[in-house]
Amino acid sequence: MLQYDVPEYKKIRVIVDTDAACEADDPFAIAHALMCRKFEVKAIFAEHFGRKGTVQKSYGEIETILDCMKMDVPHFMGEDGPLCLTQDAPLSEAGEFLIREALAEDEKPLFVLCLGAITNVARAMQACPEIKDRMTLVWIGCQDMDHPNPAFREFNSGNDIEAANFVLGSGAQVWLLPVTVYGKMRIGLAEIQKRISPCGKIGKHLFEQMVDYNAGPNAGWTAGESWTLGDNPAIGVALDPACGSYSLRSSPIVNGDTTCRLEEGRPLIRVYAWVDSRFVLEDMMSKLELMYGAEKQVVNSR
C-alpha cells in the first residue's frame, strides 16, 4: 500500500473520459488515475471511438478494470458516436453527470482527463454553456500545430472533428497534449511483463490485453515489441503540471484531415511541448507494485 496521503487542499476532482476499448493504452491510464492519492475520481465516462456501438465496448472495458482493481467508482455511458450522429439525441448519462459535477459547489478544482474523442464534453458544454469556466480539460489529441502532416490522421481529434473544434474554440481552459508529446511515452513489452504483469489481477489484465492487441489484425502500425502509452501524460500533468514544458498559444482549428491551422483571435490554451516520461511511467508502475504487487490486492473504494 501507499504509506502516504495528500493534503486535502492539494487534491483535485477528476473525471476520466476514455475510449477504453479502442486499443491497448487507455486501460493503463485508467488504472494510473485510480491509484493517485491526489485525485478524487468522481466518475469514468465511456467514450466512443468513431462510430456507433463503440461506446458500449469502452464501457465494458471500464467495468473490467474496476473489477480487476476491486474498486467501486461511478461510471457512465457516453454519447453513441460523434456529434454529427448524436447531437439531436438525449444527452448521455456522462453528459448529465458532467454538468452536475461542474456546477457543484466544491473548493477542489475539477479536471476532466480526455483520452479519446472529446464528444462527451462537447455535448455537455452545448447543453450547459456555463460549465466551460468551471473545469480544466486535459486532452490527448491533435497534430503538431507547427508541423502539420497531411499523410497522418490523428486518431482522437479525427474521431470527432466537429466536437474538437467546438471545444477548442469555446474559451474553456484546455491543456492540450498533441501527438508529438503523447507519442513519446514509449515502453517495451518486456518491461510491462517484468514490472506490471505480476501486479495482481489488474497487472495480468493490462499485460495480456496489450499482448493480445499487439498480435492482432489492427496493430500493424506498432513497432513489434514496444508500445506508446499515449494516454498516461494526461495523468502526469494533472498530478504535477510542471512535469513538462508548455506555453500559452492560440487554439488551433482542426481540418478535415486532422492537420491544424492557426487563425488570429482564437482563445488561448495551454499546449505542452514535452512531458517527462520517466516520471509518468515510473509513478504508474511503482503504484501498481506497491498496491497490487506480490498478491497485495486490497479492496479500494472511492
C-alpha atoms as a PDB file:
ATOM      1  CA  MET A   1       0.000   0.000   0.000  1.00  0.00           C
ATOM      2  CA  LEU A   2       0.945   3.618  -0.358  1.00  0.00           C
ATOM      3  CA  GLN A   3       2.142   4.835   3.036  1.00  0.00           C
ATOM      4  CA  TYR A   4       1.282   8.480   2.476  1.00  0.00           C
ATOM      5  CA  ASP A   5      -1.662  10.695   1.667  1.00  0.00           C
ATOM      6  CA  VAL A   6      -2.052  14.089   0.028  1.00  0.00           C
ATOM      7  CA  PRO A   7      -3.279  17.126   1.995  1.00  0.00           C
ATOM      8  CA  GLU A   8      -6.907  17.940   1.261  1.00  0.00           C
ATOM      9  CA  TYR A   9      -6.090  21.385  -0.115  1.00  0.00           C
ATOM     10  CA  LYS A  10      -3.853  19.815  -2.780  1.00  0.00           C
ATOM     11  CA  LYS A  11      -6.408  17.295  -4.009  1.00  0.00           C
ATOM     12  CA  ILE A  12      -8.398  17.718  -7.215  1.00  0.00           C
ATOM     13  CA  ARG A  13     -11.643  16.289  -8.501  1.00  0.00           C
ATOM     14  CA  VAL A  14     -11.091  14.127 -11.580  1.00  0.00           C
ATOM     15  CA  ILE A  15     -13.305  12.674 -14.294  1.00  0.00           C
ATOM     16  CA  VAL A  16     -11.691  10.268 -16.757  1.00  0.00           C
ATOM     17  CA  ASP A  17     -13.254  10.286 -20.240  1.00  0.00           C
ATOM     18  CA  THR A  18     -11.937   7.308 -22.190  1.00  0.00           C
ATOM     19  CA  ASP A  19     -12.382   5.282 -25.369  1.00  0.00           C
ATOM     20  CA  ALA A  20     -11.162   2.405 -23.227  1.00  0.00           C
ATOM     21  CA  ALA A  21     -11.588  -0.420 -25.733  1.00  0.00           C
ATOM     22  CA  CYS A  22     -10.244   1.193 -28.905  1.00  0.00           C
ATOM     23  CA  GLU A  23      -6.727  -0.198 -28.339  1.00  0.00           C
ATOM     24  CA  ALA A  24      -4.377  -1.122 -25.538  1.00  0.00           C
ATOM     25  CA  ASP A  25      -3.163   2.083 -23.871  1.00  0.00           C
ATOM     26  CA  ASP A  26      -6.298   3.506 -22.226  1.00  0.00           C
ATOM     27  CA  PRO A  27      -6.524   0.783 -19.538  1.00  0.00           C
ATOM     28  CA  PHE A  28      -3.067   1.748 -18.247  1.00  0.00           C
ATOM     29  CA  ALA A  29      -4.092   5.392 -17.880  1.00  0.00           C
ATOM     30  CA  ILE A  30      -7.380   4.496 -16.181  1.00  0.00           C
ATOM     31  CA  ALA A  31      -5.565   2.283 -13.675  1.00  0.00           C
ATOM     32  CA  HIS A  32      -2.985   5.011 -13.063  1.00  0.00           C
ATOM     33  CA  ALA A  33      -5.651   7.635 -12.357  1.00  0.00           C
ATOM     34  CA  LEU A  34      -7.449   5.350  -9.925  1.00  0.00           C
ATOM     35  CA  MET A  35      -4.292   4.862  -7.851  1.00  0.00           C
ATOM     36  CA  CYS A  36      -3.398   8.543  -7.449  1.00  0.00           C
ATOM     37  CA  ARG A  37      -3.948   9.890  -3.938  1.00  0.00           C
ATOM     38  CA  LYS A  38      -4.143  13.449  -5.269  1.00  0.00           C
ATOM     39  CA  PHE A  39      -7.197  12.530  -7.332  1.00  0.00           C
ATOM     40  CA  GLU A  40     -10.758  12.246  -6.125  1.00  0.00           C
ATOM     41  CA  VAL A  41     -12.034  10.264  -9.088  1.00  0.00           C
ATOM     42  CA  LYS A  42     -15.664  11.267  -9.340  1.00  0.00           C
ATOM     43  CA  ALA A  43     -16.505   9.209 -12.416  1.00  0.00           C
ATOM     44  CA  ILE A  44     -15.258   7.446 -15.512  1.00  0.00           C
ATOM     45  CA  PHE A  45     -17.016   8.175 -18.811  1.00  0.00           C
ATOM     46  CA  ALA A  46     -17.146   5.745 -21.713  1.00  0.00           C
ATOM     47  CA  GLU A  47     -16.252   7.486 -24.975  1.00  0.00           C
ATOM     48  CA  HIS A  48     -16.952   6.229 -28.500  1.00  0.00           C
ATOM     49  CA  PHE A  49     -14.169   5.717 -30.995  1.00  0.00           C
ATOM     50  CA  GLY A  50     -15.578   6.988 -34.236  1.00  0.00           C
ATOM     51  CA  ARG A  51     -18.751   5.046 -34.826  1.00  0.00           C
ATOM     52  CA  LYS A  52     -21.987   3.981 -33.188  1.00  0.00           C
ATOM     53  CA  GLY A  53     -21.768   0.955 -30.911  1.00  0.00           C
ATOM     54  CA  THR A  54     -18.192   1.511 -29.786  1.00  0.00           C
ATOM     55  CA  VAL A  55     -19.142   3.343 -26.599  1.00  0.00           C
ATOM     56  CA  GLN A  56     -20.586   0.099 -25.241  1.00  0.00           C
ATOM     57  CA  LYS A  57     -17.225  -1.584 -25.781  1.00  0.00           C
ATOM     58  CA  SER A  58     -15.473   1.175 -23.846  1.00  0.00           C
ATOM     59  CA  TYR A  59     -17.989   0.827 -21.020  1.00  0.00           C
ATOM     60  CA  GLY A  60     -17.341  -2.914 -20.802  1.00  0.00           C
ATOM     61  CA  GLU A  61     -13.571  -2.393 -20.554  1.00  0.00           C
ATOM     62  CA  ILE A  62     -14.054   0.181 -17.784  1.00  0.00           C
ATOM     63  CA  GLU A  63     -16.069  -2.385 -15.821  1.00  0.00           C
ATOM     64  CA  THR A  64     -13.329  -4.979 -16.341  1.00  0.00           C
ATOM     65  CA  ILE A  65     -10.654  -2.628 -14.996  1.00  0.00           C
ATOM     66  CA  LEU A  66     -12.713  -1.713 -11.930  1.00  0.00           C
ATOM     67  CA  ASP A  67     -13.315  -5.386 -11.200  1.00  0.00           C
ATOM     68  CA  CYS A  68      -9.607  -6.194 -11.541  1.00  0.00           C
ATOM     69  CA  MET A  69      -8.705  -3.357  -9.173  1.00  0.00           C
ATOM     70  CA  LYS A  70     -11.502  -4.131  -6.700  1.00  0.00           C
ATOM     71  CA  MET A  71     -12.700  -0.546  -6.916  1.00  0.00           C
ATOM     72  CA  ASP A  72     -16.176   0.908  -6.895  1.00  0.00           C
ATOM     73  CA  VAL A  73     -16.241   4.119  -8.930  1.00  0.00           C
ATOM     74  CA  PRO A  74     -19.254   5.638 -10.726  1.00  0.00           C
ATOM     75  CA  HIS A  75     -19.031   5.053 -14.467  1.00  0.00           C
ATOM     76  CA  PHE A  76     -21.377   6.223 -17.164  1.00  0.00           C
ATOM     77  CA  MET A  77     -22.209   5.599 -20.789  1.00  0.00           C
ATOM     78  CA  GLY A  78     -21.286   8.472 -23.072  1.00  0.00           C
ATOM     79  CA  GLU A  79     -22.527   9.561 -26.482  1.00  0.00           C
ATOM     80  CA  ASP A  80     -23.091   6.774 -29.011  1.00  0.00           C
ATOM     81  CA  GLY A  81     -20.947   8.261 -31.755  1.00  0.00           C
ATOM     82  CA  PRO A  82     -19.662  11.678 -32.868  1.00  0.00           C
ATOM     83  CA  LEU A  83     -21.669  14.900 -32.685  1.00  0.00           C
ATOM     84  CA  CYS A  84     -22.971  14.592 -36.230  1.00  0.00           C
ATOM     85  CA  LEU A  85     -24.787  11.387 -35.223  1.00  0.00           C
ATOM     86  CA  THR A  86     -25.847  12.206 -31.662  1.00  0.00           C
ATOM     87  CA  GLN A  87     -26.468  15.941 -31.249  1.00  0.00           C
ATOM     88  CA  ASP A  88     -30.247  15.501 -31.676  1.00  0.00           C
ATOM     89  CA  ALA A  89     -30.413  12.580 -29.230  1.00  0.00           C
ATOM     90  CA  PRO A  90     -30.981  12.970 -25.472  1.00  0.00           C
ATOM     91  CA  LEU A  91     -27.880  13.888 -23.525  1.00  0.00           C
ATOM     92  CA  SER A  92     -25.986  10.834 -22.301  1.00  0.00           C
ATOM     93  CA  GLU A  93     -25.584   9.826 -18.658  1.00  0.00           C
ATOM     94  CA  ALA A  94     -21.972  11.020 -18.881  1.00  0.00           C
ATOM     95  CA  GLY A  95     -23.011  14.449 -20.112  1.00  0.00           C
ATOM     96  CA  GLU A  96     -25.630  14.820 -17.400  1.00  0.00           C
ATOM     97  CA  PHE A  97     -23.120  13.850 -14.699  1.00  0.00           C
ATOM     98  CA  LEU A  98     -20.505  16.275 -16.032  1.00  0.00           C
ATOM     99  CA  ILE A  99     -22.960  19.160 -15.833  1.00  0.00           C
ATOM    100  CA  ARG A 100     -23.901  18.275 -12.253  1.00  0.00           C
ATOM    101  CA  GLU A 101     -20.309  17.891 -11.135  1.00  0.00           C
ATOM    102  CA  ALA A 102     -19.098  21.065 -12.870  1.00  0.00           C
ATOM    103  CA  LEU A 103     -21.884  23.114 -11.284  1.00  0.00           C
ATOM    104  CA  ALA A 104     -21.387  21.616  -7.814  1.00  0.00           C
ATOM    105  CA  GLU A 105     -20.139  23.922  -5.087  1.00  0.00           C
ATOM    106  CA  ASP A 106     -16.755  22.426  -4.259  1.00  0.00           C
ATOM    107  CA  GLU A 107     -13.464  24.152  -3.486  1.00  0.00           C
ATOM    108  CA  LYS A 108     -11.473  21.399  -5.188  1.00  0.00           C
ATOM    109  CA  PRO A 109     -10.899  22.187  -8.887  1.00  0.00           C
ATOM    110  CA  LEU A 110     -12.411  19.838 -11.454  1.00  0.00           C
ATOM    111  CA  PHE A 111     -10.148  18.252 -14.081  1.00  0.00           C
ATOM    112  CA  VAL A 112     -11.602  16.239 -16.966  1.00  0.00           C
ATOM    113  CA  LEU A 113      -8.955  13.950 -18.450  1.00  0.00           C
ATOM    114  CA  CYS A 114      -9.983  13.330 -22.060  1.00  0.00           C
ATOM    115  CA  LEU A 115      -8.234  10.287 -23.517  1.00  0.00           C
ATOM    116  CA  GLY A 116     -10.066   9.966 -26.814  1.00  0.00           C
ATOM    117  CA  ALA A 117     -12.559  11.922 -28.896  1.00  0.00           C
ATOM    118  CA  ILE A 118     -13.959  14.853 -26.951  1.00  0.00           C
ATOM    119  CA  THR A 119     -17.630  14.290 -27.800  1.00  0.00           C
ATOM    120  CA  ASN A 120     -18.961  13.795 -24.268  1.00  0.00           C
ATOM    121  CA  VAL A 121     -17.506  17.114 -23.122  1.00  0.00           C
ATOM    122  CA  ALA A 122     -18.716  18.957 -26.223  1.00  0.00           C
ATOM    123  CA  ARG A 123     -22.293  17.700 -25.820  1.00  0.00           C
ATOM    124  CA  ALA A 124     -22.368  18.708 -22.155  1.00  0.00           C
ATOM    125  CA  MET A 125     -20.978  22.175 -22.961  1.00  0.00           C
ATOM    126  CA  GLN A 126     -23.581  22.644 -25.692  1.00  0.00           C
ATOM    127  CA  ALA A 127     -26.337  21.699 -23.263  1.00  0.00           C
ATOM    128  CA  CYS A 128     -24.983  23.874 -20.436  1.00  0.00           C
ATOM    129  CA  PRO A 129     -22.502  26.530 -21.682  1.00  0.00           C
ATOM    130  CA  GLU A 130     -21.725  27.851 -18.180  1.00  0.00           C
ATOM    131  CA  ILE A 131     -19.748  24.734 -17.269  1.00  0.00           C
ATOM    132  CA  LYS A 132     -16.892  25.755 -19.560  1.00  0.00           C
ATOM    133  CA  ASP A 133     -15.490  28.091 -16.895  1.00  0.00           C
ATOM    134  CA  ARG A 134     -15.773  25.539 -14.087  1.00  0.00           C
ATOM    135  CA  MET A 135     -13.318  22.866 -15.197  1.00  0.00           C
ATOM    136  CA  THR A 136      -9.936  22.207 -16.778  1.00  0.00           C
ATOM    137  CA  LEU A 137      -9.902  19.930 -19.808  1.00  0.00           C
ATOM    138  CA  VAL A 138      -6.719  17.903 -20.287  1.00  0.00           C
ATOM    139  CA  TRP A 139      -6.906  16.472 -23.780  1.00  0.00           C
ATOM    140  CA  ILE A 140      -4.775  13.863 -25.524  1.00  0.00           C
ATOM    141  CA  GLY A 141      -5.317  14.962 -29.104  1.00  0.00           C
ATOM    142  CA  CYS A 142      -4.368  16.936 -32.228  1.00  0.00           C
ATOM    143  CA  GLN A 143      -1.424  17.012 -34.572  1.00  0.00           C
ATOM    144  CA  ASP A 144       1.651  19.173 -34.074  1.00  0.00           C
ATOM    145  CA  MET A 145       0.459  22.731 -34.572  1.00  0.00           C
ATOM    146  CA  ASP A 146       3.725  23.849 -36.182  1.00  0.00           C
ATOM    147  CA  HIS A 147       4.468  20.885 -38.448  1.00  0.00           C
ATOM    148  CA  PRO A 148       1.205  19.550 -39.928  1.00  0.00           C
ATOM    149  CA  ASN A 149       1.357  16.190 -41.667  1.00  0.00           C
ATOM    150  CA  PRO A 150      -1.488  15.575 -44.151  1.00  0.00           C
ATOM    151  CA  ALA A 151      -0.364  11.955 -44.550  1.00  0.00           C
ATOM    152  CA  PHE A 152      -1.081  11.232 -40.869  1.00  0.00           C
ATOM    153  CA  ARG A 153      -4.584  11.186 -39.387  1.00  0.00           C
ATOM    154  CA  GLU A 154      -4.569  11.940 -35.656  1.00  0.00           C
ATOM    155  CA  PHE A 155      -6.912   9.438 -34.041  1.00  0.00           C
ATOM    156  CA  ASN A 156      -8.621  11.323 -31.224  1.00  0.00           C
ATOM    157  CA  SER A 157      -9.392  14.581 -32.991  1.00  0.00           C
ATOM    158  CA  GLY A 158     -10.244  12.654 -36.150  1.00  0.00           C
ATOM    159  CA  ASN A 159     -12.940  10.644 -34.402  1.00  0.00           C
ATOM    160  CA  ASP A 160     -14.998  13.814 -33.928  1.00  0.00           C
ATOM    161  CA  ILE A 161     -13.576  16.888 -35.639  1.00  0.00           C
ATOM    162  CA  GLU A 162     -16.754  18.882 -35.008  1.00  0.00           C
ATOM    163  CA  ALA A 163     -16.501  18.273 -31.253  1.00  0.00           C
ATOM    164  CA  ALA A 164     -12.791  19.081 -31.266  1.00  0.00           C
ATOM    165  CA  ASN A 165     -13.356  22.447 -32.942  1.00  0.00           C
ATOM    166  CA  PHE A 166     -16.293  23.285 -30.684  1.00  0.00           C
ATOM    167  CA  VAL A 167     -14.250  22.710 -27.515  1.00  0.00           C
ATOM    168  CA  LEU A 168     -11.056  24.331 -28.814  1.00  0.00           C
ATOM    169  CA  GLY A 169     -12.966  27.434 -29.869  1.00  0.00           C
ATOM    170  CA  SER A 170     -15.130  27.677 -26.759  1.00  0.00           C
ATOM    171  CA  GLY A 171     -12.773  29.567 -24.465  1.00  0.00           C
ATOM    172  CA  ALA A 172     -12.720  26.701 -21.964  1.00  0.00           C
ATOM    173  CA  GLN A 173      -9.471  26.095 -20.084  1.00  0.00           C
ATOM    174  CA  VAL A 174      -7.761  23.434 -22.194  1.00  0.00           C
ATOM    175  CA  TRP A 175      -4.407  21.752 -21.617  1.00  0.00           C
ATOM    176  CA  LEU A 176      -3.551  20.150 -24.954  1.00  0.00           C
ATOM    177  CA  LEU A 177      -1.142  17.215 -25.310  1.00  0.00           C
ATOM    178  CA  PRO A 178      -0.592  16.746 -29.065  1.00  0.00           C
ATOM    179  CA  VAL A 179       0.778  13.657 -30.776  1.00  0.00           C
ATOM    180  CA  THR A 180       4.337  14.974 -30.639  1.00  0.00           C
ATOM    181  CA  VAL A 181       4.035  14.758 -26.826  1.00  0.00           C
ATOM    182  CA  TYR A 182       1.857  11.717 -26.216  1.00  0.00           C
ATOM    183  CA  GLY A 183       3.704   9.766 -28.886  1.00  0.00           C
ATOM    184  CA  LYS A 184       6.894   9.850 -26.808  1.00  0.00           C
ATOM    185  CA  MET A 185       5.530   7.766 -23.925  1.00  0.00           C
ATOM    186  CA  ARG A 186       7.435   4.644 -25.022  1.00  0.00           C
ATOM    187  CA  ILE A 187       7.616   1.367 -23.128  1.00  0.00           C
ATOM    188  CA  GLY A 188       8.753  -2.139 -24.069  1.00  0.00           C
ATOM    189  CA  LEU A 189       6.551  -5.222 -23.773  1.00  0.00           C
ATOM    190  CA  ALA A 190       9.335  -6.872 -21.785  1.00  0.00           C
ATOM    191  CA  GLU A 191       9.172  -4.097 -19.195  1.00  0.00           C
ATOM    192  CA  ILE A 192       5.393  -4.470 -18.974  1.00  0.00           C
ATOM    193  CA  GLN A 193       5.827  -8.212 -18.444  1.00  0.00           C
ATOM    194  CA  LYS A 194       8.519  -7.709 -15.792  1.00  0.00           C
ATOM    195  CA  ARG A 195       7.082  -4.753 -13.877  1.00  0.00           C
ATOM    196  CA  ILE A 196       3.320  -4.781 -14.445  1.00  0.00           C
ATOM    197  CA  SER A 197       2.190  -8.331 -15.190  1.00  0.00           C
ATOM    198  CA  PRO A 198       2.989  -9.642 -11.653  1.00  0.00           C
ATOM    199  CA  CYS A 199       0.817  -6.944 -10.061  1.00  0.00           C
ATOM    200  CA  GLY A 200      -2.292  -8.935  -9.256  1.00  0.00           C
ATOM    201  CA  LYS A 201      -5.357  -9.286 -11.429  1.00  0.00           C
ATOM    202  CA  ILE A 202      -5.045  -5.787 -12.867  1.00  0.00           C
ATOM    203  CA  GLY A 203      -1.392  -6.244 -13.829  1.00  0.00           C
ATOM    204  CA  LYS A 204      -2.192  -9.532 -15.550  1.00  0.00           C
ATOM    205  CA  HIS A 205      -5.075  -7.917 -17.433  1.00  0.00           C
ATOM    206  CA  LEU A 206      -3.020  -4.920 -18.551  1.00  0.00           C
ATOM    207  CA  PHE A 207      -0.247  -7.120 -19.882  1.00  0.00           C
ATOM    208  CA  GLU A 208      -2.462  -9.710 -21.563  1.00  0.00           C
ATOM    209  CA  GLN A 209      -4.757  -7.236 -23.300  1.00  0.00           C
ATOM    210  CA  MET A 210      -1.664  -5.414 -24.559  1.00  0.00           C
ATOM    211  CA  VAL A 211      -0.091  -8.599 -25.934  1.00  0.00           C
ATOM    212  CA  ASP A 212      -3.371  -9.718 -27.494  1.00  0.00           C
ATOM    213  CA  TYR A 213      -3.897  -6.408 -29.250  1.00  0.00           C
ATOM    214  CA  ASN A 214      -0.267  -6.226 -30.370  1.00  0.00           C
ATOM    215  CA  ALA A 215      -0.624  -9.625 -32.056  1.00  0.00           C
ATOM    216  CA  GLY A 216      -3.998  -8.798 -33.604  1.00  0.00           C
ATOM    217  CA  PRO A 217      -5.019  -7.591 -37.048  1.00  0.00           C
ATOM    218  CA  ASN A 218      -5.411  -3.929 -36.063  1.00  0.00           C
ATOM    219  CA  ALA A 219      -1.879  -3.411 -34.744  1.00  0.00           C
ATOM    220  CA  GLY A 220       0.023  -3.213 -37.997  1.00  0.00           C
ATOM    221  CA  TRP A 221       1.134   0.301 -37.066  1.00  0.00           C
ATOM    222  CA  THR A 222       3.065  -0.816 -33.967  1.00  0.00           C
ATOM    223  CA  ALA A 223       6.803  -1.500 -33.859  1.00  0.00           C
ATOM    224  CA  GLY A 224       6.517  -5.104 -32.675  1.00  0.00           C
ATOM    225  CA  GLU A 225       7.674  -5.303 -29.078  1.00  0.00           C
ATOM    226  CA  SER A 226       7.149  -1.781 -27.837  1.00  0.00           C
ATOM    227  CA  TRP A 227       4.187   0.495 -27.325  1.00  0.00           C
ATOM    228  CA  THR A 228       3.242   4.088 -26.673  1.00  0.00           C
ATOM    229  CA  LEU A 229       1.189   4.569 -23.506  1.00  0.00           C
ATOM    230  CA  GLY A 230      -0.089   7.752 -25.064  1.00  0.00           C
ATOM    231  CA  ASP A 231      -2.904   8.466 -22.611  1.00  0.00           C
ATOM    232  CA  ASN A 232      -0.782   8.485 -19.450  1.00  0.00           C
ATOM    233  CA  PRO A 233       0.575  12.033 -19.992  1.00  0.00           C
ATOM    234  CA  ALA A 234      -2.892  13.330 -19.076  1.00  0.00           C
ATOM    235  CA  ILE A 235      -2.496  11.648 -15.687  1.00  0.00           C
ATOM    236  CA  GLY A 236       1.027  13.028 -15.345  1.00  0.00           C
ATOM    237  CA  VAL A 237       0.234  16.703 -15.933  1.00  0.00           C
ATOM    238  CA  ALA A 238      -2.809  16.543 -13.649  1.00  0.00           C
ATOM    239  CA  LEU A 239      -0.588  15.057 -10.934  1.00  0.00           C
ATOM    240  CA  ASP A 240       2.152  17.630 -11.493  1.00  0.00           C
ATOM    241  CA  PRO A 241       1.546  20.363 -14.089  1.00  0.00           C
ATOM    242  CA  ALA A 242       5.294  21.110 -14.076  1.00  0.00           C
ATOM    243  CA  CYS A 243       6.292  17.601 -15.181  1.00  0.00           C
ATOM    244  CA  GLY A 244       6.671  19.008 -18.677  1.00  0.00           C
ATOM    245  CA  SER A 245       7.103  22.250 -20.573  1.00  0.00           C
ATOM    246  CA  TYR A 246       4.243  24.221 -22.082  1.00  0.00           C
ATOM    247  CA  SER A 247       3.272  27.597 -23.485  1.00  0.00           C
ATOM    248  CA  LEU A 248       0.061  29.531 -23.951  1.00  0.00           C
ATOM    249  CA  ARG A 249      -0.936  29.522 -27.588  1.00  0.00           C
ATOM    250  CA  SER A 250      -3.932  30.320 -29.736  1.00  0.00           C
ATOM    251  CA  SER A 251      -6.149  27.276 -30.052  1.00  0.00           C
ATOM    252  CA  PRO A 252      -5.921  25.559 -33.422  1.00  0.00           C
ATOM    253  CA  ILE A 253      -8.704  24.729 -35.842  1.00  0.00           C
ATOM    254  CA  VAL A 254      -8.703  21.056 -36.820  1.00  0.00           C
ATOM    255  CA  ASN A 255      -9.040  20.487 -40.554  1.00  0.00           C
ATOM    256  CA  GLY A 256     -10.806  17.523 -42.124  1.00  0.00           C
ATOM    257  CA  ASP A 257      -7.501  15.658 -42.470  1.00  0.00           C
ATOM    258  CA  THR A 258      -6.696  16.436 -38.767  1.00  0.00           C
ATOM    259  CA  THR A 259      -3.955  18.911 -39.622  1.00  0.00           C
ATOM    260  CA  CYS A 260      -4.225  22.141 -37.659  1.00  0.00           C
ATOM    261  CA  ARG A 261      -4.452  25.697 -38.907  1.00  0.00           C
ATOM    262  CA  LEU A 262      -3.960  28.842 -36.870  1.00  0.00           C
ATOM    263  CA  GLU A 263      -6.063  31.993 -37.042  1.00  0.00           C
ATOM    264  CA  GLU A 264      -5.834  35.281 -35.168  1.00  0.00           C
ATOM    265  CA  GLY A 265      -8.202  35.993 -32.325  1.00  0.00           C
ATOM    266  CA  ARG A 266      -8.623  32.411 -31.164  1.00  0.00           C
ATOM    267  CA  PRO A 267      -8.838  31.574 -27.415  1.00  0.00           C
ATOM    268  CA  LEU A 268      -5.578  30.879 -25.620  1.00  0.00           C
ATOM    269  CA  ILE A 269      -4.937  27.332 -24.409  1.00  0.00           C
ATOM    270  CA  ARG A 270      -2.014  25.594 -22.709  1.00  0.00           C
ATOM    271  CA  VAL A 271      -0.083  23.456 -25.205  1.00  0.00           C
ATOM    272  CA  TYR A 272       2.507  21.029 -23.874  1.00  0.00           C
ATOM    273  CA  ALA A 273       5.707  20.561 -25.874  1.00  0.00           C
ATOM    274  CA  TRP A 274       7.232  17.848 -23.668  1.00  0.00           C
ATOM    275  CA  VAL A 275       6.287  15.621 -20.726  1.00  0.00           C
ATOM    276  CA  ASP A 276       8.708  13.661 -18.505  1.00  0.00           C
ATOM    277  CA  SER A 277       8.022  10.036 -19.490  1.00  0.00           C
ATOM    278  CA  ARG A 278      10.233   8.678 -16.712  1.00  0.00           C
ATOM    279  CA  PHE A 279       8.170  10.429 -14.051  1.00  0.00           C
ATOM    280  CA  VAL A 280       4.840   9.374 -15.555  1.00  0.00           C
ATOM    281  CA  LEU A 281       5.618   5.725 -16.282  1.00  0.00           C
ATOM    282  CA  GLU A 282       7.609   5.115 -13.104  1.00  0.00           C
ATOM    283  CA  ASP A 283       4.849   6.629 -10.983  1.00  0.00           C
ATOM    284  CA  MET A 284       2.296   4.286 -12.557  1.00  0.00           C
ATOM    285  CA  MET A 285       4.464   1.165 -12.237  1.00  0.00           C
ATOM    286  CA  SER A 286       5.546   1.947  -8.672  1.00  0.00           C
ATOM    287  CA  LYS A 287       1.933   2.384  -7.595  1.00  0.00           C
ATOM    288  CA  LEU A 288       0.950  -0.909  -9.227  1.00  0.00           C
ATOM    289  CA  GLU A 289       3.798  -2.686  -7.441  1.00  0.00           C
ATOM    290  CA  LEU A 290       3.025  -1.121  -4.070  1.00  0.00           C
ATOM    291  CA  MET A 291      -0.733  -1.608  -4.242  1.00  0.00           C
ATOM    292  CA  TYR A 292      -1.099  -4.842  -6.195  1.00  0.00           C
ATOM    293  CA  GLY A 293       2.329  -6.498  -6.393  1.00  0.00           C
ATOM    294  CA  ALA A 294       3.111  -9.814  -4.713  1.00  0.00           C
ATOM    295  CA  GLU A 295      -0.595 -10.563  -4.281  1.00  0.00           C
ATOM    296  CA  LYS A 296      -1.110  -7.417  -2.170  1.00  0.00           C
ATOM    297  CA  GLN A 297      -4.554  -6.865  -3.605  1.00  0.00           C
ATOM    298  CA  VAL A 298      -6.831  -4.908  -1.351  1.00  0.00           C
ATOM    299  CA  VAL A 299     -10.325  -3.562  -1.689  1.00  0.00           C
ATOM    300  CA  ASN A 300     -10.152   0.085  -2.695  1.00  0.00           C
ATOM    301  CA  SER A 301     -13.185   2.353  -2.676  1.00  0.00           C
ATOM    302  CA  ARG A 302     -13.519   5.984  -3.628  1.00  0.00           C
END
